[in-house]
Amino acid sequence: MNRIFVTLTVFVVMAAMLSACGGLRYAQVMPGAEDFKPQTIGVLPVNAGAYEEARDAADQIIAGAIVKKKWFQDVVSPATMKSRMDHDAALRETMVGYLTKLETVNFSDPALSRAIGEQYGIEAFLVAGVDFWNYTKEGGDKVAKVGFSMVLIEANTGKVLWKAGHHEVEDYWLMKPDLAKLAEKVSAMMINDMPH
């Protein structure tokens, strides 16, 4: 009887510990982010990297997760941002310059971010990338894997307010899980964590 009680207690404690590990794999909120309350935000077109097939779906899923929260008066979609860049060479040059500095030397250029904010009439913007979007094997199991990285920028100052990265894995046997559905779950979890 005593051995059964101890075993059951250990099982319950382990289950509680595992359920408590349900947060993002990586998230960092910068000092002062809690005081920044933007009314307008832009979602830059997603950097799909090696997962080009994910681009359109990821753009819609991430922007949709933000719109669904109803935190902002206006959300400028990736499609709108891209369309404006396609028709404005100076804006495209500003955006490319900004993203190049952010990705290569981890520098959020305040002059370029301010110009982006002014051009789109936004107070903040989200830079997102696809880290995983595939079917693969892990430890002998077939899995679907989707992951994003996100950075929230204050447009006027270029200040990085929040960085996060998260991925989810779903194993399967015969029927492949829908990667877009898994992406919706990942995106919703990340946006829930984003300061606003």
Protein backbone atom coordinates (compact mmCIF):
# COMPACT_ATOMS: atom_id res chain seq x y z
CA MET A 1 0.00 0.00 0.00
CA ASN A 2 2.77 2.43 0.95
CA ARG A 3 4.73 1.62 -2.23
CA ILE A 4 1.64 2.28 -4.39
CA PHE A 5 1.08 5.64 -2.67
CA VAL A 6 4.72 6.68 -3.23
CA THR A 7 4.60 5.61 -6.89
CA LEU A 8 1.33 7.48 -7.45
CA THR A 9 2.68 10.60 -5.73
CA VAL A 10 5.83 10.57 -7.88
CA PHE A 11 3.71 10.16 -11.02
CA VAL A 12 1.44 13.09 -10.10
CA VAL A 13 4.42 15.37 -9.30
CA MET A 14 6.14 14.46 -12.59
CA ALA A 15 2.93 15.11 -14.55
CA ALA A 16 2.54 18.50 -12.86
CA MET A 17 6.15 19.40 -13.65
CA LEU A 18 5.75 18.47 -17.31
CA SER A 19 2.52 20.42 -17.68
CA ALA A 20 4.22 23.50 -16.20
CA CYS A 21 6.74 23.44 -19.08
CA GLY A 22 4.17 24.67 -21.58
CA GLY A 23 5.70 28.08 -22.36
CA LEU A 24 7.73 29.31 -25.30
CA ARG A 25 11.13 27.76 -25.91
CA TYR A 26 12.70 31.23 -25.91
CA ALA A 27 11.28 34.65 -25.04
CA GLN A 28 12.91 37.87 -23.89
CA VAL A 29 11.01 41.03 -22.97
CA MET A 30 13.22 44.11 -22.90
CA PRO A 31 13.02 46.67 -20.08
CA GLY A 32 10.36 49.30 -20.78
CA ALA A 33 8.35 47.08 -23.14
CA GLU A 34 5.46 46.96 -20.67
CA ASP A 35 5.10 50.76 -20.95
CA PHE A 36 4.88 50.80 -24.75
CA LYS A 37 1.25 50.55 -25.91
CA PRO A 38 1.16 50.95 -29.70
CA GLN A 39 -2.17 51.40 -31.45
CA THR A 40 -0.80 50.48 -34.88
CA ILE A 41 1.47 47.63 -35.92
CA GLY A 42 2.85 46.29 -39.18
CA VAL A 43 3.72 42.67 -39.87
CA LEU A 44 6.64 42.46 -42.27
CA PRO A 45 6.60 39.71 -44.90
CA VAL A 46 7.96 36.58 -43.24
CA ASN A 47 11.53 35.50 -43.93
CA ALA A 48 10.80 31.94 -45.05
CA GLY A 49 14.47 30.99 -45.37
CA ALA A 50 14.78 27.41 -46.63
CA TYR A 51 11.00 26.89 -46.35
CA GLU A 52 9.78 28.99 -49.29
CA GLU A 53 6.56 26.94 -49.51
CA ALA A 54 5.61 28.33 -46.09
CA ARG A 55 5.81 32.03 -47.03
CA ASP A 56 2.20 32.88 -47.93
CA ALA A 57 0.64 30.68 -45.26
CA ALA A 58 2.99 31.99 -42.54
CA ASP A 59 2.27 35.61 -43.50
CA GLN A 60 -1.48 35.06 -43.21
CA ILE A 61 -1.27 32.97 -40.03
CA ILE A 62 0.92 35.41 -38.07
CA ALA A 63 -1.01 38.51 -39.17
CA GLY A 64 -4.28 36.68 -38.46
CA ALA A 65 -3.16 35.81 -34.93
CA ILE A 66 -2.44 39.49 -34.24
CA VAL A 67 -5.74 40.70 -35.73
CA LYS A 68 -7.65 38.10 -33.72
CA LYS A 69 -6.31 39.58 -30.45
CA LYS A 70 -7.94 42.98 -31.18
CA TRP A 71 -5.12 44.73 -29.33
CA PHE A 72 -4.45 47.27 -32.09
CA GLN A 73 -6.57 49.81 -33.95
CA ASP A 74 -4.79 48.95 -37.19
CA VAL A 75 -2.69 45.98 -38.34
CA VAL A 76 -0.83 46.47 -41.61
CA SER A 77 -0.61 43.05 -43.24
CA PRO A 78 2.49 41.53 -44.87
CA ALA A 79 0.70 41.69 -48.24
CA THR A 80 0.10 45.44 -47.87
CA MET A 81 3.68 46.05 -46.76
CA LYS A 82 5.04 44.04 -49.69
CA SER A 83 2.77 45.76 -52.21
CA ARG A 84 3.94 49.19 -51.06
CA MET A 85 7.59 48.09 -51.29
CA ASP A 86 7.05 46.68 -54.78
CA HIS A 87 5.82 50.10 -55.98
CA ASP A 88 8.25 52.33 -54.05
CA ALA A 89 11.97 51.80 -54.71
CA ALA A 90 13.07 54.13 -51.88
CA LEU A 91 10.88 52.30 -49.36
CA ARG A 92 12.19 48.94 -50.59
CA GLU A 93 15.77 50.19 -50.17
CA THR A 94 15.01 51.39 -46.63
CA MET A 95 13.45 48.05 -45.72
CA VAL A 96 16.28 45.99 -47.21
CA GLY A 97 18.85 48.16 -45.43
CA TYR A 98 17.06 47.81 -42.12
CA LEU A 99 16.59 44.03 -42.34
CA THR A 100 20.17 43.47 -43.54
CA LYS A 101 21.56 45.27 -40.48
CA LEU A 102 19.15 43.48 -38.15
CA GLU A 103 20.01 40.03 -39.53
CA THR A 104 23.75 40.38 -40.12
CA VAL A 105 24.98 42.49 -37.20
CA ASN A 106 21.92 42.37 -34.89
CA PHE A 107 21.52 46.15 -35.11
CA SER A 108 18.09 47.77 -35.22
CA ASP A 109 18.89 51.03 -37.03
CA PRO A 110 16.74 53.79 -35.45
CA ALA A 111 16.79 56.07 -38.51
CA LEU A 112 15.66 53.28 -40.84
CA SER A 113 13.03 51.93 -38.41
CA ARG A 114 11.66 55.47 -37.98
CA ALA A 115 11.43 55.83 -41.77
CA ILE A 116 9.57 52.50 -41.99
CA GLY A 117 7.16 53.63 -39.26
CA GLU A 118 6.50 56.93 -40.98
CA GLN A 119 6.00 55.39 -44.43
CA TYR A 120 3.43 52.89 -43.14
CA GLY A 121 1.91 55.02 -40.36
CA ILE A 122 2.75 52.41 -37.70
CA GLU A 123 4.15 52.65 -34.19
CA ALA A 124 5.59 49.14 -34.10
CA PHE A 125 6.41 46.33 -36.46
CA LEU A 126 6.98 42.61 -36.20
CA VAL A 127 9.82 40.83 -37.98
CA ALA A 128 9.19 37.09 -38.24
CA GLY A 129 11.08 34.14 -39.68
CA VAL A 130 10.26 30.50 -40.33
CA ASP A 131 12.63 28.23 -38.39
CA PHE A 132 10.91 24.92 -39.25
CA TRP A 133 8.14 23.92 -41.66
CA ASN A 134 8.59 20.30 -42.56
CA TYR A 135 7.99 16.62 -42.05
CA THR A 136 11.02 14.81 -40.67
CA LYS A 137 12.17 12.05 -38.33
CA GLU A 138 13.21 12.55 -34.73
CA GLY A 139 14.42 9.59 -32.72
CA GLY A 140 12.90 7.18 -35.22
CA ASP A 141 9.46 8.85 -35.08
CA LYS A 142 7.87 10.59 -38.06
CA VAL A 143 6.99 14.15 -37.04
CA ALA A 144 5.55 17.39 -38.37
CA LYS A 145 7.60 20.36 -37.15
CA VAL A 146 6.77 24.07 -37.36
CA GLY A 147 8.66 26.90 -35.71
CA PHE A 148 8.92 30.68 -35.87
CA SER A 149 11.19 33.39 -34.53
CA MET A 150 9.78 36.88 -33.93
CA VAL A 151 11.14 40.31 -33.02
CA LEU A 152 8.93 43.27 -32.05
CA ILE A 153 10.40 46.70 -32.87
CA GLU A 154 9.33 50.16 -31.69
CA ALA A 155 9.32 52.03 -35.00
CA ASN A 156 10.21 55.53 -33.75
CA THR A 157 13.32 54.50 -31.79
CA GLY A 158 14.31 51.17 -33.36
CA LYS A 159 14.25 49.65 -29.89
CA VAL A 160 13.84 45.88 -29.79
CA LEU A 161 11.00 45.28 -27.32
CA TRP A 162 10.61 41.51 -27.48
CA LYS A 163 12.27 38.49 -29.05
CA ALA A 164 10.88 34.99 -29.09
CA GLY A 165 11.34 31.63 -30.72
CA HIS A 166 9.14 28.59 -30.50
CA HIS A 167 8.43 25.37 -32.34
CA GLU A 168 6.01 22.51 -31.93
CA VAL A 169 6.41 18.90 -33.01
CA GLU A 170 3.52 16.54 -33.70
CA ASP A 171 4.22 12.87 -34.34
CA TYR A 172 2.20 10.80 -36.76
CA TRP A 173 1.98 7.31 -38.15
CA LEU A 174 -0.05 7.31 -41.37
CA MET A 175 -1.78 10.66 -41.83
CA LYS A 176 0.51 13.68 -41.97
CA PRO A 177 -0.68 16.54 -39.74
CA ASP A 178 -1.50 19.82 -41.50
CA LEU A 179 1.54 22.11 -41.12
CA ALA A 180 -0.65 25.22 -41.37
CA LYS A 181 -2.77 24.05 -38.40
CA LEU A 182 0.39 23.43 -36.39
CA ALA A 183 1.62 26.89 -37.42
CA GLU A 184 -1.60 28.45 -36.12
CA LYS A 185 -0.95 26.87 -32.73
CA VAL A 186 2.68 28.07 -32.63
CA SER A 187 1.76 31.57 -33.80
CA ALA A 188 -1.08 31.93 -31.28
CA MET A 189 1.21 30.88 -28.41
CA MET A 190 3.86 33.38 -29.46
CA ILE A 191 1.49 36.30 -30.03
CA ASN A 192 -0.09 35.63 -26.61
CA ASP A 193 3.37 36.27 -25.11
CA MET A 194 4.06 39.46 -27.10
CA PRO A 195 3.90 42.77 -25.20
CA HIS A 196 1.17 45.10 -26.47
